[in-house]
Amino acid sequence: VRRSGRVSKPPIWLQDYIQPTKGKSAGCCKYPLSEVLTYDHITPKYQSYLSQFSVEVEPVTYQEAVKDKRWVEAMKSEIKALEDNHTWTLVPLPKGKKAIGCK
């Protein structure tokens, strides 16, 4: 049986995601690797291996996100981009109307 010599890589849509292993929780160690380690210059296979040691947890709620200055900056940047591109306009909620939720 002939095996391909092609290098196996994860799908492109998974490039920006690093999933911690189950059972680990934020704050489990005093100096998490995510504070000093970037995965930009290493192979996808080694990125996958190292991701098992990362404890960077993505916030699930808005209340969690606003506690992290990086997420606050990301949200500000996203809103600014939408406004600069005239994709949307932020307006006050009309009197007597109720904002809808999101998933």
PDB file of N, CA and C in Angstrom:
ATOM      1  N   VAL A   1       0.848  -1.175   0.000  1.00  0.00           N
ATOM      2  CA  VAL A   1       0.000   0.000   0.000  1.00  0.00           C
ATOM      3  C   VAL A   1       0.891   1.233   0.000  1.00  0.00           C
ATOM      4  N   ARG A   2       0.626   2.126  -0.941  1.00  0.00           N
ATOM      5  CA  ARG A   2       1.403   3.363  -1.051  1.00  0.00           C
ATOM      6  C   ARG A   2       0.800   4.423  -0.134  1.00  0.00           C
ATOM      7  N   ARG A   3       1.654   5.101   0.604  1.00  0.00           N
ATOM      8  CA  ARG A   3       1.206   6.185   1.479  1.00  0.00           C
ATOM      9  C   ARG A   3       1.575   7.520   0.865  1.00  0.00           C
ATOM     10  N   SER A   4       0.700   8.484   1.040  1.00  0.00           N
ATOM     11  CA  SER A   4       0.926   9.823   0.509  1.00  0.00           C
ATOM     12  C   SER A   4       2.073  10.496   1.252  1.00  0.00           C
ATOM     13  N   GLY A   5       2.848  11.274   0.529  1.00  0.00           N
ATOM     14  CA  GLY A   5       3.930  12.039   1.132  1.00  0.00           C
ATOM     15  C   GLY A   5       3.480  13.442   1.525  1.00  0.00           C
ATOM     16  N   ARG A   6       2.191  13.710   1.305  1.00  0.00           N
ATOM     17  CA  ARG A   6       1.641  15.031   1.604  1.00  0.00           C
ATOM     18  C   ARG A   6       1.616  15.279   3.110  1.00  0.00           C
ATOM     19  N   VAL A   7       1.990  16.493   3.508  1.00  0.00           N
ATOM     20  CA  VAL A   7       1.986  16.862   4.921  1.00  0.00           C
ATOM     21  C   VAL A   7       0.544  17.048   5.374  1.00  0.00           C
ATOM     22  N   SER A   8       0.190  16.403   6.461  1.00  0.00           N
ATOM     23  CA  SER A   8      -1.167  16.504   7.005  1.00  0.00           C
ATOM     24  C   SER A   8      -1.267  17.736   7.892  1.00  0.00           C
ATOM     25  N   LYS A   9      -2.286  18.559   7.649  1.00  0.00           N
ATOM     26  CA  LYS A   9      -2.510  19.763   8.449  1.00  0.00           C
ATOM     27  C   LYS A   9      -3.971  19.805   8.874  1.00  0.00           C
ATOM     28  N   PRO A  10      -4.254  20.479  10.009  1.00  0.00           N
ATOM     29  CA  PRO A  10      -5.656  20.628  10.395  1.00  0.00           C
ATOM     30  C   PRO A  10      -6.365  21.566   9.420  1.00  0.00           C
ATOM     31  N   PRO A  11      -7.684  21.478   9.313  1.00  0.00           N
ATOM     32  CA  PRO A  11      -8.421  22.356   8.406  1.00  0.00           C
ATOM     33  C   PRO A  11      -8.172  23.825   8.723  1.00  0.00           C
ATOM     34  N   ILE A  12      -8.213  24.676   7.703  1.00  0.00           N
ATOM     35  CA  ILE A  12      -7.916  26.102   7.857  1.00  0.00           C
ATOM     36  C   ILE A  12      -8.829  26.771   8.874  1.00  0.00           C
ATOM     37  N   TRP A  13     -10.102  26.322   8.950  1.00  0.00           N
ATOM     38  CA  TRP A  13     -11.026  26.981   9.873  1.00  0.00           C
ATOM     39  C   TRP A  13     -10.713  26.672  11.337  1.00  0.00           C
ATOM     40  N   LEU A  14      -9.815  25.746  11.591  1.00  0.00           N
ATOM     41  CA  LEU A  14      -9.420  25.442  12.961  1.00  0.00           C
ATOM     42  C   LEU A  14      -8.110  26.112  13.364  1.00  0.00           C
ATOM     43  N   GLN A  15      -7.513  26.881  12.470  1.00  0.00           N
ATOM     44  CA  GLN A  15      -6.219  27.500  12.748  1.00  0.00           C
ATOM     45  C   GLN A  15      -6.235  28.414  13.968  1.00  0.00           C
ATOM     46  N   ASP A  16      -7.314  29.158  14.166  1.00  0.00           N
ATOM     47  CA  ASP A  16      -7.347  30.140  15.241  1.00  0.00           C
ATOM     48  C   ASP A  16      -7.815  29.572  16.574  1.00  0.00           C
ATOM     49  N   TYR A  17      -8.073  28.279  16.636  1.00  0.00           N
ATOM     50  CA  TYR A  17      -8.609  27.700  17.851  1.00  0.00           C
ATOM     51  C   TYR A  17      -7.601  26.798  18.533  1.00  0.00           C
ATOM     52  N   ILE A  18      -7.512  26.962  19.835  1.00  0.00           N
ATOM     53  CA  ILE A  18      -6.709  26.071  20.657  1.00  0.00           C
ATOM     54  C   ILE A  18      -7.626  25.627  21.782  1.00  0.00           C
ATOM     55  N   GLN A  19      -7.924  24.359  21.818  1.00  0.00           N
ATOM     56  CA  GLN A  19      -8.885  23.825  22.778  1.00  0.00           C
ATOM     57  C   GLN A  19      -8.163  23.168  23.940  1.00  0.00           C
ATOM     58  N   PRO A  20      -8.377  23.643  25.173  1.00  0.00           N
ATOM     59  CA  PRO A  20      -7.750  22.976  26.310  1.00  0.00           C
ATOM     60  C   PRO A  20      -8.387  21.613  26.549  1.00  0.00           C
ATOM     61  N   THR A  21      -7.646  20.735  27.220  1.00  0.00           N
ATOM     62  CA  THR A  21      -8.197  19.415  27.510  1.00  0.00           C
ATOM     63  C   THR A  21      -9.272  19.536  28.574  1.00  0.00           C
ATOM     64  N   LYS A  22     -10.183  18.566  28.599  1.00  0.00           N
ATOM     65  CA  LYS A  22     -11.247  18.568  29.604  1.00  0.00           C
ATOM     66  C   LYS A  22     -10.638  18.328  30.972  1.00  0.00           C
ATOM     67  N   GLY A  23     -11.282  18.911  31.963  1.00  0.00           N
ATOM     68  CA  GLY A  23     -10.818  18.709  33.324  1.00  0.00           C
ATOM     69  C   GLY A  23      -9.897  19.810  33.808  1.00  0.00           C
ATOM     70  N   LYS A  24      -9.371  20.605  32.911  1.00  0.00           N
ATOM     71  CA  LYS A  24      -8.520  21.711  33.318  1.00  0.00           C
ATOM     72  C   LYS A  24      -9.400  22.935  33.493  1.00  0.00           C
ATOM     73  N   SER A  25      -9.062  23.770  34.435  1.00  0.00           N
ATOM     74  CA  SER A  25      -9.849  24.979  34.634  1.00  0.00           C
ATOM     75  C   SER A  25      -8.927  26.183  34.685  1.00  0.00           C
ATOM     76  N   ALA A  26      -9.503  27.335  34.374  1.00  0.00           N
ATOM     77  CA  ALA A  26      -8.729  28.568  34.414  1.00  0.00           C
ATOM     78  C   ALA A  26      -8.238  28.773  35.843  1.00  0.00           C
ATOM     79  N   GLY A  27      -7.030  29.248  35.965  1.00  0.00           N
ATOM     80  CA  GLY A  27      -6.491  29.518  37.278  1.00  0.00           C
ATOM     81  C   GLY A  27      -5.898  28.293  37.955  1.00  0.00           C
ATOM     82  N   CYS A  28      -5.669  27.223  37.199  1.00  0.00           N
ATOM     83  CA  CYS A  28      -5.146  26.002  37.820  1.00  0.00           C
ATOM     84  C   CYS A  28      -3.657  26.127  38.120  1.00  0.00           C
ATOM     85  N   CYS A  29      -3.004  27.082  37.513  1.00  0.00           N
ATOM     86  CA  CYS A  29      -1.592  27.263  37.814  1.00  0.00           C
ATOM     87  C   CYS A  29      -1.280  28.754  37.904  1.00  0.00           C
ATOM     88  N   LYS A  30      -0.227  29.067  38.621  1.00  0.00           N
ATOM     89  CA  LYS A  30       0.119  30.458  38.879  1.00  0.00           C
ATOM     90  C   LYS A  30       0.637  31.174  37.632  1.00  0.00           C
ATOM     91  N   TYR A  31       1.371  30.486  36.777  1.00  0.00           N
ATOM     92  CA  TYR A  31       1.964  31.100  35.592  1.00  0.00           C
ATOM     93  C   TYR A  31       1.600  30.294  34.345  1.00  0.00           C
ATOM     94  N   PRO A  32       0.415  30.529  33.771  1.00  0.00           N
ATOM     95  CA  PRO A  32       0.012  29.749  32.596  1.00  0.00           C
ATOM     96  C   PRO A  32       0.905  30.035  31.391  1.00  0.00           C
ATOM     97  N   LEU A  33       1.162  28.997  30.605  1.00  0.00           N
ATOM     98  CA  LEU A  33       1.991  29.141  29.411  1.00  0.00           C
ATOM     99  C   LEU A  33       1.417  30.153  28.428  1.00  0.00           C
ATOM    100  N   SER A  34       0.107  30.302  28.416  1.00  0.00           N
ATOM    101  CA  SER A  34      -0.528  31.205  27.459  1.00  0.00           C
ATOM    102  C   SER A  34      -0.082  32.653  27.641  1.00  0.00           C
ATOM    103  N   GLU A  35       0.486  32.980  28.794  1.00  0.00           N
ATOM    104  CA  GLU A  35       0.963  34.338  29.030  1.00  0.00           C
ATOM    105  C   GLU A  35       2.311  34.602  28.352  1.00  0.00           C
ATOM    106  N   VAL A  36       3.066  33.565  28.055  1.00  0.00           N
ATOM    107  CA  VAL A  36       4.406  33.756  27.509  1.00  0.00           C
ATOM    108  C   VAL A  36       4.672  33.005  26.215  1.00  0.00           C
ATOM    109  N   LEU A  37       3.736  32.183  25.775  1.00  0.00           N
ATOM    110  CA  LEU A  37       3.968  31.310  24.636  1.00  0.00           C
ATOM    111  C   LEU A  37       3.048  31.657  23.478  1.00  0.00           C
ATOM    112  N   THR A  38       3.610  31.771  22.278  1.00  0.00           N
ATOM    113  CA  THR A  38       2.780  31.922  21.089  1.00  0.00           C
ATOM    114  C   THR A  38       3.024  30.711  20.202  1.00  0.00           C
ATOM    115  N   TYR A  39       2.028  30.395  19.367  1.00  0.00           N
ATOM    116  CA  TYR A  39       2.103  29.213  18.523  1.00  0.00           C
ATOM    117  C   TYR A  39       2.344  29.565  17.056  1.00  0.00           C
ATOM    118  N   ASP A  40       2.723  30.794  16.780  1.00  0.00           N
ATOM    119  CA  ASP A  40       2.821  31.279  15.403  1.00  0.00           C
ATOM    120  C   ASP A  40       3.891  30.599  14.551  1.00  0.00           C
ATOM    121  N   HIS A  41       5.001  30.222  15.138  1.00  0.00           N
ATOM    122  CA  HIS A  41       6.135  29.753  14.335  1.00  0.00           C
ATOM    123  C   HIS A  41       6.432  28.261  14.501  1.00  0.00           C
ATOM    124  N   ILE A  42       5.429  27.489  14.895  1.00  0.00           N
ATOM    125  CA  ILE A  42       5.657  26.058  15.054  1.00  0.00           C
ATOM    126  C   ILE A  42       4.680  25.266  14.191  1.00  0.00           C
ATOM    127  N   THR A  43       5.007  24.027  13.950  1.00  0.00           N
ATOM    128  CA  THR A  43       4.191  23.200  13.056  1.00  0.00           C
ATOM    129  C   THR A  43       2.822  22.921  13.675  1.00  0.00           C
ATOM    130  N   PRO A  44       1.814  22.692  12.829  1.00  0.00           N
ATOM    131  CA  PRO A  44       0.474  22.392  13.347  1.00  0.00           C
ATOM    132  C   PRO A  44       0.446  21.184  14.292  1.00  0.00           C
ATOM    133  N   LYS A  45       1.249  20.171  13.994  1.00  0.00           N
ATOM    134  CA  LYS A  45       1.276  18.980  14.845  1.00  0.00           C
ATOM    135  C   LYS A  45       1.800  19.334  16.246  1.00  0.00           C
ATOM    136  N   TYR A  46       2.844  20.137  16.295  1.00  0.00           N
ATOM    137  CA  TYR A  46       3.405  20.531  17.585  1.00  0.00           C
ATOM    138  C   TYR A  46       2.470  21.513  18.291  1.00  0.00           C
ATOM    139  N   GLN A  47       1.772  22.362  17.534  1.00  0.00           N
ATOM    140  CA  GLN A  47       0.766  23.256  18.116  1.00  0.00           C
ATOM    141  C   GLN A  47      -0.291  22.436  18.845  1.00  0.00           C
ATOM    142  N   SER A  48      -0.736  21.370  18.198  1.00  0.00           N
ATOM    143  CA  SER A  48      -1.739  20.497  18.795  1.00  0.00           C
ATOM    144  C   SER A  48      -1.229  19.899  20.107  1.00  0.00           C
ATOM    145  N   TYR A  49       0.011  19.454  20.104  1.00  0.00           N
ATOM    146  CA  TYR A  49       0.617  18.888  21.311  1.00  0.00           C
ATOM    147  C   TYR A  49       0.675  19.933  22.422  1.00  0.00           C
ATOM    148  N   LEU A  50       1.175  21.122  22.113  1.00  0.00           N
ATOM    149  CA  LEU A  50       1.311  22.163  23.127  1.00  0.00           C
ATOM    150  C   LEU A  50      -0.030  22.664  23.643  1.00  0.00           C
ATOM    151  N   SER A  51      -1.049  22.606  22.796  1.00  0.00           N
ATOM    152  CA  SER A  51      -2.356  23.110  23.218  1.00  0.00           C
ATOM    153  C   SER A  51      -2.914  22.315  24.393  1.00  0.00           C
ATOM    154  N   GLN A  52      -2.423  21.115  24.587  1.00  0.00           N
ATOM    155  CA  GLN A  52      -2.883  20.305  25.712  1.00  0.00           C
ATOM    156  C   GLN A  52      -2.433  20.885  27.052  1.00  0.00           C
ATOM    157  N   PHE A  53      -1.443  21.776  27.020  1.00  0.00           N
ATOM    158  CA  PHE A  53      -0.927  22.366  28.248  1.00  0.00           C
ATOM    159  C   PHE A  53      -1.429  23.783  28.473  1.00  0.00           C
ATOM    160  N   SER A  54      -2.113  24.346  27.517  1.00  0.00           N
ATOM    161  CA  SER A  54      -2.614  25.712  27.636  1.00  0.00           C
ATOM    162  C   SER A  54      -3.923  25.727  28.411  1.00  0.00           C
ATOM    163  N   VAL A  55      -4.090  26.740  29.217  1.00  0.00           N
ATOM    164  CA  VAL A  55      -5.326  26.859  29.991  1.00  0.00           C
ATOM    165  C   VAL A  55      -6.096  28.121  29.622  1.00  0.00           C
ATOM    166  N   GLU A  56      -5.771  28.710  28.496  1.00  0.00           N
ATOM    167  CA  GLU A  56      -6.493  29.894  28.043  1.00  0.00           C
ATOM    168  C   GLU A  56      -7.930  29.489  27.748  1.00  0.00           C
ATOM    169  N   VAL A  57      -8.859  30.064  28.477  1.00  0.00           N
ATOM    170  CA  VAL A  57     -10.262  29.716  28.317  1.00  0.00           C
ATOM    171  C   VAL A  57     -11.008  30.907  27.725  1.00  0.00           C
ATOM    172  N   GLU A  58     -11.729  30.649  26.646  1.00  0.00           N
ATOM    173  CA  GLU A  58     -12.499  31.701  25.992  1.00  0.00           C
ATOM    174  C   GLU A  58     -13.757  31.984  26.806  1.00  0.00           C
ATOM    175  N   PRO A  59     -14.061  33.280  27.045  1.00  0.00           N
ATOM    176  CA  PRO A  59     -15.261  33.590  27.822  1.00  0.00           C
ATOM    177  C   PRO A  59     -16.528  33.118  27.118  1.00  0.00           C
ATOM    178  N   VAL A  60     -17.513  32.733  27.912  1.00  0.00           N
ATOM    179  CA  VAL A  60     -18.778  32.239  27.380  1.00  0.00           C
ATOM    180  C   VAL A  60     -19.844  33.331  27.419  1.00  0.00           C
ATOM    181  N   THR A  61     -19.773  34.203  28.415  1.00  0.00           N
ATOM    182  CA  THR A  61     -20.774  35.258  28.564  1.00  0.00           C
ATOM    183  C   THR A  61     -20.130  36.628  28.422  1.00  0.00           C
ATOM    184  N   TYR A  62     -20.979  37.622  28.219  1.00  0.00           N
ATOM    185  CA  TYR A  62     -20.509  39.006  28.142  1.00  0.00           C
ATOM    186  C   TYR A  62     -19.851  39.403  29.466  1.00  0.00           C
ATOM    187  N   GLN A  63     -20.456  38.992  30.583  1.00  0.00           N
ATOM    188  CA  GLN A  63     -19.919  39.334  31.900  1.00  0.00           C
ATOM    189  C   GLN A  63     -18.495  38.802  32.070  1.00  0.00           C
ATOM    190  N   GLU A  64     -18.210  37.636  31.529  1.00  0.00           N
ATOM    191  CA  GLU A  64     -16.851  37.091  31.588  1.00  0.00           C
ATOM    192  C   GLU A  64     -15.918  37.870  30.662  1.00  0.00           C
ATOM    193  N   ALA A  65     -16.405  38.221  29.481  1.00  0.00           N
ATOM    194  CA  ALA A  65     -15.568  38.901  28.485  1.00  0.00           C
ATOM    195  C   ALA A  65     -15.138  40.287  28.947  1.00  0.00           C
ATOM    196  N   VAL A  66     -16.029  41.037  29.610  1.00  0.00           N
ATOM    197  CA  VAL A  66     -15.678  42.402  30.009  1.00  0.00           C
ATOM    198  C   VAL A  66     -14.669  42.443  31.144  1.00  0.00           C
ATOM    199  N   LYS A  67     -14.383  41.316  31.752  1.00  0.00           N
ATOM    200  CA  LYS A  67     -13.368  41.260  32.805  1.00  0.00           C
ATOM    201  C   LYS A  67     -11.957  41.158  32.234  1.00  0.00           C
ATOM    202  N   ASP A  68     -11.850  40.873  30.949  1.00  0.00           N
ATOM    203  CA  ASP A  68     -10.547  40.699  30.297  1.00  0.00           C
ATOM    204  C   ASP A  68     -10.312  41.857  29.332  1.00  0.00           C
ATOM    205  N   LYS A  69      -9.268  42.644  29.582  1.00  0.00           N
ATOM    206  CA  LYS A  69      -9.020  43.836  28.757  1.00  0.00           C
ATOM    207  C   LYS A  69      -8.794  43.484  27.288  1.00  0.00           C
ATOM    208  N   ARG A  70      -8.279  42.290  27.015  1.00  0.00           N
ATOM    209  CA  ARG A  70      -8.074  41.890  25.616  1.00  0.00           C
ATOM    210  C   ARG A  70      -9.403  41.734  24.899  1.00  0.00           C
ATOM    211  N   TRP A  71     -10.404  41.176  25.582  1.00  0.00           N
ATOM    212  CA  TRP A  71     -11.722  41.007  24.970  1.00  0.00           C
ATOM    213  C   TRP A  71     -12.430  42.345  24.819  1.00  0.00           C
ATOM    214  N   VAL A  72     -12.244  43.236  25.791  1.00  0.00           N
ATOM    215  CA  VAL A  72     -12.847  44.571  25.695  1.00  0.00           C
ATOM    216  C   VAL A  72     -12.276  45.290  24.478  1.00  0.00           C
ATOM    217  N   GLU A  73     -10.958  45.222  24.303  1.00  0.00           N
ATOM    218  CA  GLU A  73     -10.325  45.850  23.137  1.00  0.00           C
ATOM    219  C   GLU A  73     -10.798  45.208  21.836  1.00  0.00           C
ATOM    220  N   ALA A  74     -10.946  43.900  21.833  1.00  0.00           N
ATOM    221  CA  ALA A  74     -11.422  43.204  20.632  1.00  0.00           C
ATOM    222  C   ALA A  74     -12.841  43.640  20.282  1.00  0.00           C
ATOM    223  N   MET A  75     -13.692  43.779  21.300  1.00  0.00           N
ATOM    224  CA  MET A  75     -15.071  44.216  21.054  1.00  0.00           C
ATOM    225  C   MET A  75     -15.106  45.642  20.516  1.00  0.00           C
ATOM    226  N   LYS A  76     -14.290  46.519  21.110  1.00  0.00           N
ATOM    227  CA  LYS A  76     -14.226  47.909  20.635  1.00  0.00           C
ATOM    228  C   LYS A  76     -13.751  47.955  19.188  1.00  0.00           C
ATOM    229  N   SER A  77     -12.735  47.170  18.886  1.00  0.00           N
ATOM    230  CA  SER A  77     -12.187  47.128  17.531  1.00  0.00           C
ATOM    231  C   SER A  77     -13.223  46.623  16.532  1.00  0.00           C
ATOM    232  N   GLU A  78     -13.979  45.605  16.923  1.00  0.00           N
ATOM    233  CA  GLU A  78     -15.007  45.033  16.042  1.00  0.00           C
ATOM    234  C   GLU A  78     -16.120  46.041  15.769  1.00  0.00           C
ATOM    235  N   ILE A  79     -16.567  46.729  16.810  1.00  0.00           N
ATOM    236  CA  ILE A  79     -17.623  47.740  16.633  1.00  0.00           C
ATOM    237  C   ILE A  79     -17.120  48.875  15.761  1.00  0.00           C
ATOM    238  N   LYS A  80     -15.874  49.317  15.992  1.00  0.00           N
ATOM    239  CA  LYS A  80     -15.309  50.402  15.180  1.00  0.00           C
ATOM    240  C   LYS A  80     -15.234  49.997  13.712  1.00  0.00           C
ATOM    241  N   ALA A  81     -14.812  48.761  13.445  1.00  0.00           N
ATOM    242  CA  ALA A  81     -14.724  48.282  12.061  1.00  0.00           C
ATOM    243  C   ALA A  81     -16.100  48.269  11.405  1.00  0.00           C
ATOM    244  N   LEU A  82     -17.114  47.816  12.126  1.00  0.00           N
ATOM    245  CA  LEU A  82     -18.473  47.792  11.578  1.00  0.00           C
ATOM    246  C   LEU A  82     -18.981  49.201  11.290  1.00  0.00           C
ATOM    247  N   GLU A  83     -18.671  50.138  12.177  1.00  0.00           N
ATOM    248  CA  GLU A  83     -19.089  51.528  11.963  1.00  0.00           C
ATOM    249  C   GLU A  83     -18.301  52.161  10.813  1.00  0.00           C
ATOM    250  N   ASP A  84     -16.990  51.914  10.757  1.00  0.00           N
ATOM    251  CA  ASP A  84     -16.152  52.482   9.692  1.00  0.00           C
ATOM    252  C   ASP A  84     -16.567  51.979   8.315  1.00  0.00           C
ATOM    253  N   ASN A  85     -17.017  50.724   8.247  1.00  0.00           N
ATOM    254  CA  ASN A  85     -17.448  50.144   6.973  1.00  0.00           C
ATOM    255  C   ASN A  85     -18.902  50.461   6.647  1.00  0.00           C
ATOM    256  N   HIS A  86     -19.542  51.210   7.532  1.00  0.00           N
ATOM    257  CA  HIS A  86     -20.971  51.545   7.380  1.00  0.00           C
ATOM    258  C   HIS A  86     -21.825  50.283   7.290  1.00  0.00           C
ATOM    259  N   THR A  87     -21.378  49.233   7.992  1.00  0.00           N
ATOM    260  CA  THR A  87     -22.126  47.986   8.047  1.00  0.00           C
ATOM    261  C   THR A  87     -23.333  48.139   8.963  1.00  0.00           C
ATOM    262  N   TRP A  88     -23.174  48.952   9.982  1.00  0.00           N
ATOM    263  CA  TRP A  88     -24.287  49.225  10.879  1.00  0.00           C
ATOM    264  C   TRP A  88     -24.105  50.578  11.522  1.00  0.00           C
ATOM    265  N   THR A  89     -25.166  51.056  12.132  1.00  0.00           N
ATOM    266  CA  THR A  89     -25.139  52.303  12.879  1.00  0.00           C
ATOM    267  C   THR A  89     -25.736  52.016  14.248  1.00  0.00           C
ATOM    268  N   LEU A  90     -25.006  52.366  15.280  1.00  0.00           N
ATOM    269  CA  LEU A  90     -25.482  52.150  16.632  1.00  0.00           C
ATOM    270  C   LEU A  90     -26.401  53.305  17.006  1.00  0.00           C
ATOM    271  N   VAL A  91     -27.630  52.997  17.361  1.00  0.00           N
ATOM    272  CA  VAL A  91     -28.618  54.024  17.718  1.00  0.00           C
ATOM    273  C   VAL A  91     -29.236  53.671  19.063  1.00  0.00           C
ATOM    274  N   PRO A  92     -29.771  54.692  19.767  1.00  0.00           N
ATOM    275  CA  PRO A  92     -30.429  54.392  21.041  1.00  0.00           C
ATOM    276  C   PRO A  92     -31.709  53.585  20.820  1.00  0.00           C
ATOM    277  N   LEU A  93     -32.048  52.776  21.797  1.00  0.00           N
ATOM    278  CA  LEU A  93     -33.269  51.977  21.737  1.00  0.00           C
ATOM    279  C   LEU A  93     -34.471  52.914  21.846  1.00  0.00           C
ATOM    280  N   PRO A  94     -35.438  52.813  20.938  1.00  0.00           N
ATOM    281  CA  PRO A  94     -36.621  53.684  21.010  1.00  0.00           C
ATOM    282  C   PRO A  94     -37.375  53.483  22.329  1.00  0.00           C
ATOM    283  N   LYS A  95     -37.977  54.559  22.805  1.00  0.00           N
ATOM    284  CA  LYS A  95     -38.718  54.524  24.061  1.00  0.00           C
ATOM    285  C   LYS A  95     -39.843  53.483  23.976  1.00  0.00           C
ATOM    286  N   GLY A  96     -39.953  52.675  25.002  1.00  0.00           N
ATOM    287  CA  GLY A  96     -41.002  51.666  25.058  1.00  0.00           C
ATOM    288  C   GLY A  96     -40.647  50.360  24.360  1.00  0.00           C
ATOM    289  N   LYS A  97     -39.494  50.290  23.726  1.00  0.00           N
ATOM    290  CA  LYS A  97     -39.074  49.063  23.036  1.00  0.00           C
ATOM    291  C   LYS A  97     -38.113  48.280  23.923  1.00  0.00           C
ATOM    292  N   LYS A  98     -38.064  46.971  23.698  1.00  0.00           N
ATOM    293  CA  LYS A  98     -37.220  46.089  24.489  1.00  0.00           C
ATOM    294  C   LYS A  98     -36.180  45.437  23.577  1.00  0.00           C
ATOM    295  N   ALA A  99     -34.927  45.423  24.018  1.00  0.00           N
ATOM    296  CA  ALA A  99     -33.860  44.790  23.236  1.00  0.00           C
ATOM    297  C   ALA A  99     -34.067  43.279  23.224  1.00  0.00           C
ATOM    298  N   ILE A 100     -33.750  42.665  22.098  1.00  0.00           N
ATOM    299  CA  ILE A 100     -33.867  41.210  22.000  1.00  0.00           C
ATOM    300  C   ILE A 100     -32.566  40.567  22.442  1.00  0.00           C
ATOM    301  N   GLY A 101     -32.622  39.335  22.834  1.00  0.00           N
ATOM    302  CA  GLY A 101     -31.429  38.604  23.252  1.00  0.00           C
ATOM    303  C   GLY A 101     -30.728  37.985  22.060  1.00  0.00           C
ATOM    304  N   CYS A 102     -29.714  37.207  22.341  1.00  0.00           N
ATOM    305  CA  CYS A 102     -29.001  36.496  21.285  1.00  0.00           C
ATOM    306  C   CYS A 102     -28.588  35.138  21.820  1.00  0.00           C
ATOM    307  N   LYS A 103     -28.194  34.253  20.918  1.00  0.00           N
ATOM    308  CA  LYS A 103     -27.763  32.914  21.337  1.00  0.00           C
ATOM    309  C   LYS A 103     -26.294  32.917  21.640  1.00  0.00           C
TER     310      LYS A 103
END
